[in-house]
Structure formats: structure tokens, C-alpha cells
Amino acid sequence: FDSLASFSLFLVISKIFQNYTHNKILSFDKNYKSYY
């Protein structure tokens, strides 16, 4: 159960970090005026 809990925790942390990366770095339509 300890391994299961740690695995789940780090999966969620990794997912949050990836979402942050997508939203802050890879998404451009939030500021349309600066895109084109």
C-alpha cells in the first residue's frame, strides 16, 4: 500500500506539472493579439 500511495502521488504531481507546461508554454490562443 505504501508503494501504491507513492506511485499515485507522483503520477498526480507529474500530471499537474505537465498540464502547467502545456498551459503556460505550449498554449498560444490565450493571447490572440500576440500570436499573429
Full PDB file with SEQRES, HELIX, SHEET, SSBOND, CRYST1, ORIGX, SCALE, CONECT and MASTER records, all heavy atoms in Angstrom:
SEQRES   1 A   36  PHE ASP SER LEU ALA SER PHE SER LEU PHE LEU VAL ILE          
SEQRES   2 A   36  SER LYS ILE PHE GLN ASN TYR THR HIS ASN LYS ILE LEU          
SEQRES   3 A   36  SER PHE ASP LYS ASN TYR LYS SER TYR TYR                      
HELIX    1 AA1 ASP A    2  THR A   21  1                                  20    
HELIX    2 AA2 HIS A   22  LEU A   26  3                                   5    
HELIX    3 AA3 TYR A   32  TYR A   35  1                                   4    
CRYST1    1.000    1.000    1.000  90.00  90.00  90.00 P 1           1          
ORIGX1      1.000000  0.000000  0.000000        0.00000                         
ORIGX2      0.000000  1.000000  0.000000        0.00000                         
ORIGX3      0.000000  0.000000  1.000000        0.00000                         
SCALE1      1.000000  0.000000  0.000000        0.00000                         
SCALE2      0.000000  1.000000  0.000000        0.00000                         
SCALE3      0.000000  0.000000  1.000000        0.00000                         
ATOM      1  N   PHE A   1       0.820  -1.208   0.000  1.00  0.00           N  
ATOM      2  CA  PHE A   1       0.000   0.000   0.000  1.00  0.00           C  
ATOM      3  C   PHE A   1       0.860   1.267   0.000  1.00  0.00           C  
ATOM      4  O   PHE A   1       0.465   2.299  -0.542  1.00  0.00           O  
ATOM      5  CB  PHE A   1      -0.930   0.002   1.218  1.00  0.00           C  
ATOM      6  CG  PHE A   1      -1.962  -1.090   1.190  1.00  0.00           C  
ATOM      7  CD1 PHE A   1      -1.993  -2.054   2.185  1.00  0.00           C  
ATOM      8  CD2 PHE A   1      -2.894  -1.160   0.167  1.00  0.00           C  
ATOM      9  CE1 PHE A   1      -2.936  -3.076   2.161  1.00  0.00           C  
ATOM     10  CE2 PHE A   1      -3.842  -2.173   0.129  1.00  0.00           C  
ATOM     11  CZ  PHE A   1      -3.859  -3.134   1.132  1.00  0.00           C  
ATOM     12  N   ASP A   2       2.039   1.186   0.631  1.00  0.00           N  
ATOM     13  CA  ASP A   2       2.931   2.348   0.631  1.00  0.00           C  
ATOM     14  C   ASP A   2       3.427   2.648  -0.781  1.00  0.00           C  
ATOM     15  O   ASP A   2       3.476   3.807  -1.218  1.00  0.00           O  
ATOM     16  CB  ASP A   2       4.102   2.121   1.575  1.00  0.00           C  
ATOM     17  CG  ASP A   2       4.793   0.784   1.339  1.00  0.00           C  
ATOM     18  OD1 ASP A   2       4.295  -0.010   0.514  1.00  0.00           O  
ATOM     19  OD2 ASP A   2       5.837   0.540   1.983  1.00  0.00           O  
ATOM     20  N   SER A   3       3.771   1.610  -1.539  1.00  0.00           N  
ATOM     21  CA  SER A   3       4.212   1.805  -2.922  1.00  0.00           C  
ATOM     22  C   SER A   3       3.073   2.321  -3.794  1.00  0.00           C  
ATOM     23  O   SER A   3       3.275   3.188  -4.651  1.00  0.00           O  
ATOM     24  CB  SER A   3       4.739   0.482  -3.486  1.00  0.00           C  
ATOM     25  OG  SER A   3       5.855   0.041  -2.756  1.00  0.00           O  
ATOM     26  N   LEU A   4       1.877   1.767  -3.553  1.00  0.00           N  
ATOM     27  CA  LEU A   4       0.711   2.207  -4.315  1.00  0.00           C  
ATOM     28  C   LEU A   4       0.440   3.691  -4.079  1.00  0.00           C  
ATOM     29  O   LEU A   4       0.184   4.453  -5.021  1.00  0.00           O  
ATOM     30  CB  LEU A   4      -0.509   1.375  -3.911  1.00  0.00           C  
ATOM     31  CG  LEU A   4      -1.855   1.779  -4.521  1.00  0.00           C  
ATOM     32  CD1 LEU A   4      -1.836   1.601  -6.029  1.00  0.00           C  
ATOM     33  CD2 LEU A   4      -2.986   0.954  -3.904  1.00  0.00           C  
ATOM     34  N   ALA A   5       0.508   4.119  -2.819  1.00  0.00           N  
ATOM     35  CA  ALA A   5       0.235   5.516  -2.482  1.00  0.00           C  
ATOM     36  C   ALA A   5       1.289   6.453  -3.075  1.00  0.00           C  
ATOM     37  O   ALA A   5       0.964   7.522  -3.612  1.00  0.00           O  
ATOM     38  CB  ALA A   5       0.174   5.686  -0.967  1.00  0.00           C  
ATOM     39  N   SER A   6       2.554   6.047  -2.996  1.00  0.00           N  
ATOM     40  CA  SER A   6       3.614   6.904  -3.545  1.00  0.00           C  
ATOM     41  C   SER A   6       3.525   6.976  -5.067  1.00  0.00           C  
ATOM     42  O   SER A   6       3.725   8.039  -5.663  1.00  0.00           O  
ATOM     43  CB  SER A   6       4.980   6.376  -3.111  1.00  0.00           C  
ATOM     44  OG  SER A   6       5.196   5.066  -3.614  1.00  0.00           O  
ATOM     45  N   PHE A   7       3.226   5.844  -5.688  1.00  0.00           N  
ATOM     46  CA  PHE A   7       3.067   5.811  -7.139  1.00  0.00           C  
ATOM     47  C   PHE A   7       1.957   6.755  -7.575  1.00  0.00           C  
ATOM     48  O   PHE A   7       2.120   7.563  -8.499  1.00  0.00           O  
ATOM     49  CB  PHE A   7       2.770   4.379  -7.566  1.00  0.00           C  
ATOM     50  CG  PHE A   7       2.711   4.182  -9.062  1.00  0.00           C  
ATOM     51  CD1 PHE A   7       3.458   4.966  -9.928  1.00  0.00           C  
ATOM     52  CD2 PHE A   7       1.920   3.186  -9.604  1.00  0.00           C  
ATOM     53  CE1 PHE A   7       3.418   4.779 -11.294  1.00  0.00           C  
ATOM     54  CE2 PHE A   7       1.860   2.989 -10.975  1.00  0.00           C  
ATOM     55  CZ  PHE A   7       2.610   3.782 -11.817  1.00  0.00           C  
ATOM     56  N   SER A   8       0.806   6.683  -6.901  1.00  0.00           N  
ATOM     57  CA  SER A   8      -0.329   7.540  -7.244  1.00  0.00           C  
ATOM     58  C   SER A   8       0.008   9.016  -7.037  1.00  0.00           C  
ATOM     59  O   SER A   8      -0.318   9.866  -7.870  1.00  0.00           O  
ATOM     60  CB  SER A   8      -1.540   7.158  -6.397  1.00  0.00           C  
ATOM     61  OG  SER A   8      -2.607   8.059  -6.590  1.00  0.00           O  
ATOM     62  N   LEU A   9       0.682   9.318  -5.931  1.00  0.00           N  
ATOM     63  CA  LEU A   9       1.023  10.712  -5.632  1.00  0.00           C  
ATOM     64  C   LEU A   9       1.915  11.307  -6.714  1.00  0.00           C  
ATOM     65  O   LEU A   9       1.658  12.404  -7.225  1.00  0.00           O  
ATOM     66  CB  LEU A   9       1.720  10.787  -4.274  1.00  0.00           C  
ATOM     67  CG  LEU A   9       2.245  12.170  -3.871  1.00  0.00           C  
ATOM     68  CD1 LEU A   9       1.104  13.164  -3.718  1.00  0.00           C  
ATOM     69  CD2 LEU A   9       3.055  12.078  -2.573  1.00  0.00           C  
ATOM     70  N   PHE A  10       2.945  10.577  -7.105  1.00  0.00           N  
ATOM     71  CA  PHE A  10       3.879  11.122  -8.087  1.00  0.00           C  
ATOM     72  C   PHE A  10       3.287  11.138  -9.494  1.00  0.00           C  
ATOM     73  O   PHE A  10       3.672  11.973 -10.319  1.00  0.00           O  
ATOM     74  CB  PHE A  10       5.196  10.352  -8.048  1.00  0.00           C  
ATOM     75  CG  PHE A  10       6.036  10.684  -6.848  1.00  0.00           C  
ATOM     76  CD1 PHE A  10       6.171   9.778  -5.815  1.00  0.00           C  
ATOM     77  CD2 PHE A  10       6.649  11.922  -6.730  1.00  0.00           C  
ATOM     78  CE1 PHE A  10       6.934  10.086  -4.700  1.00  0.00           C  
ATOM     79  CE2 PHE A  10       7.410  12.244  -5.623  1.00  0.00           C  
ATOM     80  CZ  PHE A  10       7.556  11.318  -4.589  1.00  0.00           C  
ATOM     81  N   LEU A  11       2.358  10.252  -9.761  1.00  0.00           N  
ATOM     82  CA  LEU A  11       1.632  10.332 -11.029  1.00  0.00           C  
ATOM     83  C   LEU A  11       0.831  11.625 -11.111  1.00  0.00           C  
ATOM     84  O   LEU A  11       0.812  12.306 -12.142  1.00  0.00           O  
ATOM     85  CB  LEU A  11       0.693   9.128 -11.181  1.00  0.00           C  
ATOM     86  CG  LEU A  11       1.275   7.834 -11.750  1.00  0.00           C  
ATOM     87  CD1 LEU A  11       0.210   6.745 -11.734  1.00  0.00           C  
ATOM     88  CD2 LEU A  11       1.799   8.036 -13.153  1.00  0.00           C  
ATOM     89  N   VAL A  12       0.140  11.978 -10.021  1.00  0.00           N  
ATOM     90  CA  VAL A  12      -0.657  13.209  -9.995  1.00  0.00           C  
ATOM     91  C   VAL A  12       0.245  14.428 -10.094  1.00  0.00           C  
ATOM     92  O   VAL A  12      -0.047  15.381 -10.826  1.00  0.00           O  
ATOM     93  CB  VAL A  12      -1.527  13.272  -8.723  1.00  0.00           C  
ATOM     94  CG1 VAL A  12      -2.245  14.613  -8.638  1.00  0.00           C  
ATOM     95  CG2 VAL A  12      -2.539  12.139  -8.710  1.00  0.00           C  
ATOM     96  N   ILE A  13       1.362  14.409  -9.365  1.00  0.00           N  
ATOM     97  CA  ILE A  13       2.298  15.536  -9.428  1.00  0.00           C  
ATOM     98  C   ILE A  13       2.824  15.711 -10.850  1.00  0.00           C  
ATOM     99  O   ILE A  13       2.905  16.826 -11.376  1.00  0.00           O  
ATOM    100  CB  ILE A  13       3.466  15.319  -8.443  1.00  0.00           C  
ATOM    101  CG1 ILE A  13       2.957  15.408  -6.995  1.00  0.00           C  
ATOM    102  CG2 ILE A  13       4.568  16.354  -8.678  1.00  0.00           C  
ATOM    103  CD1 ILE A  13       4.017  15.077  -5.962  1.00  0.00           C  
ATOM    104  N   SER A  14       3.193  14.598 -11.472  1.00  0.00           N  
ATOM    105  CA  SER A  14       3.685  14.652 -12.850  1.00  0.00           C  
ATOM    106  C   SER A  14       2.616  15.200 -13.794  1.00  0.00           C  
ATOM    107  O   SER A  14       2.916  15.999 -14.692  1.00  0.00           O  
ATOM    108  CB  SER A  14       4.116  13.260 -13.293  1.00  0.00           C  
ATOM    109  OG  SER A  14       4.575  13.273 -14.622  1.00  0.00           O  
ATOM    110  N   LYS A  15       1.363  14.785 -13.594  1.00  0.00           N  
ATOM    111  CA  LYS A  15       0.262  15.255 -14.442  1.00  0.00           C  
ATOM    112  C   LYS A  15       0.043  16.757 -14.275  1.00  0.00           C  
ATOM    113  O   LYS A  15      -0.145  17.483 -15.260  1.00  0.00           O  
ATOM    114  CB  LYS A  15      -1.017  14.495 -14.083  1.00  0.00           C  
ATOM    115  CG  LYS A  15      -2.208  14.850 -14.954  1.00  0.00           C  
ATOM    116  CD  LYS A  15      -1.993  14.432 -16.385  1.00  0.00           C  
ATOM    117  CE  LYS A  15      -3.213  14.716 -17.249  1.00  0.00           C  
ATOM    118  NZ  LYS A  15      -2.987  14.380 -18.656  1.00  0.00           N  
ATOM    119  N   ILE A  16       0.093  17.236 -13.038  1.00  0.00           N  
ATOM    120  CA  ILE A  16      -0.077  18.670 -12.789  1.00  0.00           C  
ATOM    121  C   ILE A  16       1.044  19.458 -13.455  1.00  0.00           C  
ATOM    122  O   ILE A  16       0.814  20.497 -14.088  1.00  0.00           O  
ATOM    123  CB  ILE A  16      -0.116  18.953 -11.270  1.00  0.00           C  
ATOM    124  CG1 ILE A  16      -1.424  18.417 -10.673  1.00  0.00           C  
ATOM    125  CG2 ILE A  16       0.027  20.439 -10.983  1.00  0.00           C  
ATOM    126  CD1 ILE A  16      -1.500  18.539  -9.170  1.00  0.00           C  
ATOM    127  N   PHE A  17       2.249  18.954 -13.344  1.00  0.00           N  
ATOM    128  CA  PHE A  17       3.385  19.648 -13.944  1.00  0.00           C  
ATOM    129  C   PHE A  17       3.285  19.669 -15.460  1.00  0.00           C  
ATOM    130  O   PHE A  17       3.579  20.683 -16.104  1.00  0.00           O  
ATOM    131  CB  PHE A  17       4.682  18.981 -13.499  1.00  0.00           C  
ATOM    132  CG  PHE A  17       5.897  19.827 -13.727  1.00  0.00           C  
ATOM    133  CD1 PHE A  17       6.217  20.854 -12.860  1.00  0.00           C  
ATOM    134  CD2 PHE A  17       6.715  19.616 -14.818  1.00  0.00           C  
ATOM    135  CE1 PHE A  17       7.326  21.649 -13.072  1.00  0.00           C  
ATOM    136  CE2 PHE A  17       7.828  20.402 -15.040  1.00  0.00           C  
ATOM    137  CZ  PHE A  17       8.139  21.425 -14.153  1.00  0.00           C  
ATOM    138  N   GLN A  18       2.847  18.561 -16.043  1.00  0.00           N  
ATOM    139  CA  GLN A  18       2.680  18.514 -17.498  1.00  0.00           C  
ATOM    140  C   GLN A  18       1.587  19.469 -17.961  1.00  0.00           C  
ATOM    141  O   GLN A  18       1.731  20.148 -18.980  1.00  0.00           O  
ATOM    142  CB  GLN A  18       2.353  17.087 -17.939  1.00  0.00           C  
ATOM    143  CG  GLN A  18       3.525  16.131 -17.834  1.00  0.00           C  
ATOM    144  CD  GLN A  18       3.160  14.734 -18.284  1.00  0.00           C  
ATOM    145  OE1 GLN A  18       2.606  14.545 -19.356  1.00  0.00           O  
ATOM    146  NE2 GLN A  18       3.459  13.748 -17.452  1.00  0.00           N  
ATOM    147  N   ASN A  19       0.473  19.524 -17.218  1.00  0.00           N  
ATOM    148  CA  ASN A  19      -0.605  20.452 -17.566  1.00  0.00           C  
ATOM    149  C   ASN A  19      -0.134  21.888 -17.479  1.00  0.00           C  
ATOM    150  O   ASN A  19      -0.479  22.733 -18.316  1.00  0.00           O  
ATOM    151  CB  ASN A  19      -1.806  20.241 -16.646  1.00  0.00           C  
ATOM    152  CG  ASN A  19      -2.660  19.075 -17.083  1.00  0.00           C  
ATOM    153  OD1 ASN A  19      -2.295  18.345 -18.002  1.00  0.00           O  
ATOM    154  ND2 ASN A  19      -3.786  18.870 -16.429  1.00  0.00           N  
ATOM    155  N   TYR A  20       0.641  22.179 -16.445  1.00  0.00           N  
ATOM    156  CA  TYR A  20       1.188  23.531 -16.307  1.00  0.00           C  
ATOM    157  C   TYR A  20       2.076  23.862 -17.509  1.00  0.00           C  
ATOM    158  O   TYR A  20       2.003  24.966 -18.069  1.00  0.00           O  
ATOM    159  CB  TYR A  20       1.993  23.633 -15.022  1.00  0.00           C  
ATOM    160  CG  TYR A  20       2.696  24.967 -14.856  1.00  0.00           C  
ATOM    161  CD1 TYR A  20       2.029  26.067 -14.339  1.00  0.00           C  
ATOM    162  CD2 TYR A  20       4.024  25.128 -15.241  1.00  0.00           C  
ATOM    163  CE1 TYR A  20       2.664  27.287 -14.199  1.00  0.00           C  
ATOM    164  CE2 TYR A  20       4.668  26.339 -15.106  1.00  0.00           C  
ATOM    165  CZ  TYR A  20       3.984  27.422 -14.581  1.00  0.00           C  
ATOM    166  OH  TYR A  20       4.609  28.632 -14.457  1.00  0.00           O  
ATOM    167  N   THR A  21       2.890  22.892 -17.906  1.00  0.00           N  
ATOM    168  CA  THR A  21       3.761  23.091 -19.061  1.00  0.00           C  
ATOM    169  C   THR A  21       2.958  23.376 -20.320  1.00  0.00           C  
ATOM    170  O   THR A  21       3.251  24.303 -21.079  1.00  0.00           O  
ATOM    171  CB  THR A  21       4.634  21.843 -19.281  1.00  0.00           C  
ATOM    172  OG1 THR A  21       5.404  21.607 -18.108  1.00  0.00           O  
ATOM    173  CG2 THR A  21       5.564  22.037 -20.454  1.00  0.00           C  
ATOM    174  N   HIS A  22       1.895  22.594 -20.554  1.00  0.00           N  
ATOM    175  CA  HIS A  22       1.050  22.802 -21.731  1.00  0.00           C  
ATOM    176  C   HIS A  22       0.385  24.170 -21.688  1.00  0.00           C  
ATOM    177  O   HIS A  22       0.373  24.904 -22.677  1.00  0.00           O  
ATOM    178  CB  HIS A  22      -0.021  21.709 -21.806  1.00  0.00           C  
ATOM    179  CG  HIS A  22       0.438  20.467 -22.485  1.00  0.00           C  
ATOM    180  ND1 HIS A  22       0.620  20.377 -23.849  1.00  0.00           N  
ATOM    181  CD2 HIS A  22       0.763  19.255 -21.988  1.00  0.00           C  
ATOM    182  CE1 HIS A  22       1.037  19.172 -24.160  1.00  0.00           C  
ATOM    183  NE2 HIS A  22       1.131  18.463 -23.055  1.00  0.00           N  
ATOM    184  N   ASN A  23      -0.165  24.532 -20.539  1.00  0.00           N  
ATOM    185  CA  ASN A  23      -0.940  25.771 -20.445  1.00  0.00           C  
ATOM    186  C   ASN A  23      -0.064  27.012 -20.523  1.00  0.00           C  
ATOM    187  O   ASN A  23      -0.455  28.023 -21.096  1.00  0.00           O  
ATOM    188  CB  ASN A  23      -1.742  25.791 -19.138  1.00  0.00           C  
ATOM    189  CG  ASN A  23      -2.851  24.762 -19.141  1.00  0.00           C  
ATOM    190  OD1 ASN A  23      -3.360  24.399 -20.188  1.00  0.00           O  
ATOM    191  ND2 ASN A  23      -3.218  24.285 -17.962  1.00  0.00           N  
ATOM    192  N   LYS A  24       1.134  26.950 -19.942  1.00  0.00           N  
ATOM    193  CA  LYS A  24       1.977  28.133 -19.854  1.00  0.00           C  
ATOM    194  C   LYS A  24       2.958  28.272 -21.010  1.00  0.00           C  
ATOM    195  O   LYS A  24       3.347  29.364 -21.373  1.00  0.00           O  
ATOM    196  CB  LYS A  24       2.770  28.116 -18.534  1.00  0.00           C  
ATOM    197  CG  LYS A  24       1.893  28.180 -17.296  1.00  0.00           C  
ATOM    198  CD  LYS A  24       1.089  29.468 -17.240  1.00  0.00           C  
ATOM    199  CE  LYS A  24       0.245  29.526 -15.984  1.00  0.00           C  
ATOM    200  NZ  LYS A  24      -0.585  30.756 -15.941  1.00  0.00           N  
ATOM    201  N   ILE A  25       3.359  27.155 -21.596  1.00  0.00           N  
ATOM    202  CA  ILE A  25       4.394  27.206 -22.630  1.00  0.00           C  
ATOM    203  C   ILE A  25       3.855  26.845 -24.001  1.00  0.00           C  
ATOM    204  O   ILE A  25       4.175  27.481 -25.005  1.00  0.00           O  
ATOM    205  CB  ILE A  25       5.564  26.271 -22.264  1.00  0.00           C  
ATOM    206  CG1 ILE A  25       6.198  26.746 -20.946  1.00  0.00           C  
ATOM    207  CG2 ILE A  25       6.607  26.248 -23.353  1.00  0.00           C  
ATOM    208  CD1 ILE A  25       7.345  25.877 -20.469  1.00  0.00           C  
ATOM    209  N   LEU A  26       2.997  25.836 -24.084  1.00  0.00           N  
ATOM    210  CA  LEU A  26       2.588  25.317 -25.382  1.00  0.00           C  
ATOM    211  C   LEU A  26       1.270  25.879 -25.872  1.00  0.00           C  
ATOM    212  O   LEU A  26       0.858  25.598 -26.985  1.00  0.00           O  
ATOM    213  CB  LEU A  26       2.490  23.791 -25.322  1.00  0.00           C  
ATOM    214  CG  LEU A  26       3.752  23.076 -24.835  1.00  0.00           C  
ATOM    215  CD1 LEU A  26       3.542  21.584 -24.864  1.00  0.00           C  
ATOM    216  CD2 LEU A  26       4.942  23.461 -25.668  1.00  0.00           C  
ATOM    217  N   SER A  27       0.563  26.653 -25.056  1.00  0.00           N  
ATOM    218  CA  SER A  27      -0.738  27.182 -25.470  1.00  0.00           C  
ATOM    219  C   SER A  27      -0.585  28.643 -25.831  1.00  0.00           C  
ATOM    220  O   SER A  27      -0.093  29.433 -25.039  1.00  0.00           O  
ATOM    221  CB  SER A  27      -1.760  27.024 -24.342  1.00  0.00           C  
ATOM    222  OG  SER A  27      -2.990  27.554 -24.730  1.00  0.00           O  
ATOM    223  N   PHE A  28      -1.027  29.034 -27.030  1.00  0.00           N  
ATOM    224  CA  PHE A  28      -0.823  30.393 -27.522  1.00  0.00           C  
ATOM    225  C   PHE A  28      -2.116  31.143 -27.782  1.00  0.00           C  
ATOM    226  O   PHE A  28      -2.106  32.340 -28.012  1.00  0.00           O  
ATOM    227  CB  PHE A  28      -0.004  30.365 -28.813  1.00  0.00           C  
ATOM    228  CG  PHE A  28       1.320  29.713 -28.644  1.00  0.00           C  
ATOM    229  CD1 PHE A  28       1.495  28.401 -29.023  1.00  0.00           C  
ATOM    230  CD2 PHE A  28       2.379  30.384 -28.077  1.00  0.00           C  
ATOM    231  CE1 PHE A  28       2.711  27.780 -28.868  1.00  0.00           C  
ATOM    232  CE2 PHE A  28       3.600  29.778 -27.915  1.00  0.00           C  
ATOM    233  CZ  PHE A  28       3.770  28.471 -28.309  1.00  0.00           C  
ATOM    234  N   ASP A  29      -3.271  30.457 -27.785  1.00  0.00           N  
ATOM    235  CA  ASP A  29      -4.501  31.135 -28.157  1.00  0.00           C  
ATOM    236  C   ASP A  29      -5.072  31.973 -27.026  1.00  0.00           C  
ATOM    237  O   ASP A  29      -6.094  32.612 -27.173  1.00  0.00           O  
ATOM    238  CB  ASP A  29      -5.560  30.146 -28.644  1.00  0.00           C  
ATOM    239  CG  ASP A  29      -5.941  29.121 -27.590  1.00  0.00           C  
ATOM    240  OD1 ASP A  29      -5.278  29.104 -26.538  1.00  0.00           O  
ATOM    241  OD2 ASP A  29      -6.891  28.354 -27.833  1.00  0.00           O  
ATOM    242  N   LYS A  30      -4.391  31.990 -25.853  1.00  0.00           N  
ATOM    243  CA  LYS A  30      -4.893  32.806 -24.759  1.00  0.00           C  
ATOM    244  C   LYS A  30      -4.672  34.287 -25.059  1.00  0.00           C  
ATOM    245  O   LYS A  30      -5.428  35.130 -24.621  1.00  0.00           O  
ATOM    246  CB  LYS A  30      -4.175  32.420 -23.453  1.00  0.00           C  
ATOM    247  CG  LYS A  30      -4.533  31.008 -22.994  1.00  0.00           C  
ATOM    248  CD  LYS A  30      -3.818  30.658 -21.710  1.00  0.00           C  
ATOM    249  CE  LYS A  30      -4.185  29.250 -21.275  1.00  0.00           C  
ATOM    250  NZ  LYS A  30      -3.504  28.846 -20.036  1.00  0.00           N  
ATOM    251  N   ASN A  31      -3.590  34.591 -25.752  1.00  0.00           N  
ATOM    252  CA  ASN A  31      -3.328  35.974 -26.122  1.00  0.00           C  
ATOM    253  C   ASN A  31      -3.251  36.052 -27.633  1.00  0.00           C  
ATOM    254  O   ASN A  31      -2.188  36.042 -28.221  1.00  0.00           O  
ATOM    255  CB  ASN A  31      -2.023  36.470 -25.489  1.00  0.00           C  
ATOM    256  CG  ASN A  31      -1.835  37.959 -25.696  1.00  0.00           C  
ATOM    257  OD1 ASN A  31      -2.606  38.599 -26.405  1.00  0.00           O  
ATOM    258  ND2 ASN A  31      -0.823  38.512 -25.073  1.00  0.00           N  
ATOM    259  N   TYR A  32      -4.401  36.124 -28.253  1.00  0.00           N  
ATOM    260  CA  TYR A  32      -4.508  36.056 -29.712  1.00  0.00           C  
ATOM    261  C   TYR A  32      -3.756  37.196 -30.375  1.00  0.00           C  
ATOM    262  O   TYR A  32      -3.145  37.033 -31.417  1.00  0.00           O  
ATOM    263  CB  TYR A  32      -5.986  36.119 -30.064  1.00  0.00           C  
ATOM    264  CG  TYR A  32      -6.315  35.883 -31.509  1.00  0.00           C  
ATOM    265  CD1 TYR A  32      -6.370  34.600 -32.026  1.00  0.00           C  
ATOM    266  CD2 TYR A  32      -6.602  36.939 -32.352  1.00  0.00           C  
ATOM    267  CE1 TYR A  32      -6.706  34.384 -33.339  1.00  0.00           C  
ATOM    268  CE2 TYR A  32      -6.932  36.722 -33.672  1.00  0.00           C  
ATOM    269  CZ  TYR A  32      -6.981  35.446 -34.153  1.00  0.00           C  
ATOM    270  OH  TYR A  32      -7.302  35.226 -35.452  1.00  0.00           O  
ATOM    271  N   LYS A  33      -3.784  38.366 -29.729  1.00  0.00           N  
ATOM    272  CA  LYS A  33      -3.162  39.542 -30.324  1.00  0.00           C  
ATOM    273  C   LYS A  33      -1.653  39.352 -30.480  1.00  0.00           C  
ATOM    274  O   LYS A  33      -1.062  39.824 -31.444  1.00  0.00           O  
ATOM    275  CB  LYS A  33      -3.458  40.762 -29.448  1.00  0.00           C  
ATOM    276  CG  LYS A  33      -2.938  42.068 -30.006  1.00  0.00           C  
ATOM    277  CD  LYS A  33      -3.379  43.222 -29.129  1.00  0.00           C  
ATOM    278  CE  LYS A  33      -2.846  44.544 -29.631  1.00  0.00           C  
ATOM    279  NZ  LYS A  33      -3.282  45.672 -28.806  1.00  0.00           N  
ATOM    280  N   SER A  34      -1.030  38.633 -29.552  1.00  0.00           N  
ATOM    281  CA  SER A  34       0.412  38.437 -29.642  1.00  0.00           C  
ATOM    282  C   SER A  34       0.777  37.213 -30.469  1.00  0.00           C  
ATOM    283  O   SER A  34       1.936  36.983 -30.762  1.00  0.00           O  
ATOM    284  CB  SER A  34       1.000  38.279 -28.237  1.00  0.00           C  
ATOM    285  OG  SER A  34       0.554  37.085 -27.647  1.00  0.00           O  
ATOM    286  N   TYR A  35      -0.213  36.408 -30.827  1.00  0.00           N  
ATOM    287  CA  TYR A  35       0.082  35.191 -31.596  1.00  0.00           C  
ATOM    288  C   TYR A  35       0.312  35.515 -33.057  1.00  0.00           C  
ATOM    289  O   TYR A  35       1.378  35.320 -33.603  1.00  0.00           O  
ATOM    290  CB  TYR A  35      -1.064  34.203 -31.409  1.00  0.00           C  
ATOM    291  CG  TYR A  35      -0.788  32.833 -31.954  1.00  0.00           C  
ATOM    292  CD1 TYR A  35       0.501  32.416 -32.259  1.00  0.00           C  
ATOM    293  CD2 TYR A  35      -1.813  31.944 -32.148  1.00  0.00           C  
ATOM    294  CE1 TYR A  35       0.762  31.156 -32.736  1.00  0.00           C  
ATOM    295  CE2 TYR A  35      -1.570  30.663 -32.627  1.00  0.00           C  
ATOM    296  CZ  TYR A  35      -0.286  30.290 -32.923  1.00  0.00           C  
ATOM    297  OH  TYR A  35      -0.049  29.040 -33.404  1.00  0.00           O  
ATOM    298  N   TYR A  36      -0.696  36.056 -33.737  1.00  0.00           N  
ATOM    299  CA  TYR A  36      -0.463  36.594 -35.075  1.00  0.00           C  
ATOM    300  C   TYR A  36      -1.321  37.838 -35.233  1.00  0.00           C  
ATOM    301  O   TYR A  36      -2.521  37.801 -35.020  1.00  0.00           O  
ATOM    302  CB  TYR A  36      -0.735  35.578 -36.183  1.00  0.00           C  
ATOM    303  CG  TYR A  36      -1.884  34.642 -35.964  1.00  0.00           C  
ATOM    304  CD1 TYR A  36      -3.192  35.015 -36.259  1.00  0.00           C  
ATOM    305  CD2 TYR A  36      -1.666  33.374 -35.468  1.00  0.00           C  
ATOM    306  CE1 TYR A  36      -4.241  34.140 -36.065  1.00  0.00           C  
ATOM    307  CE2 TYR A  36      -2.711  32.498 -35.270  1.00  0.00           C  
ATOM    308  CZ  TYR A  36      -3.987  32.883 -35.575  1.00  0.00           C  
ATOM    309  OH  TYR A  36      -5.024  32.020 -35.380  1.00  0.00           O  
TER     310      TYR A  36                                                      
MASTER        0    0    0    3    0    0    0    6  309    1    0    3          
END                                                                             
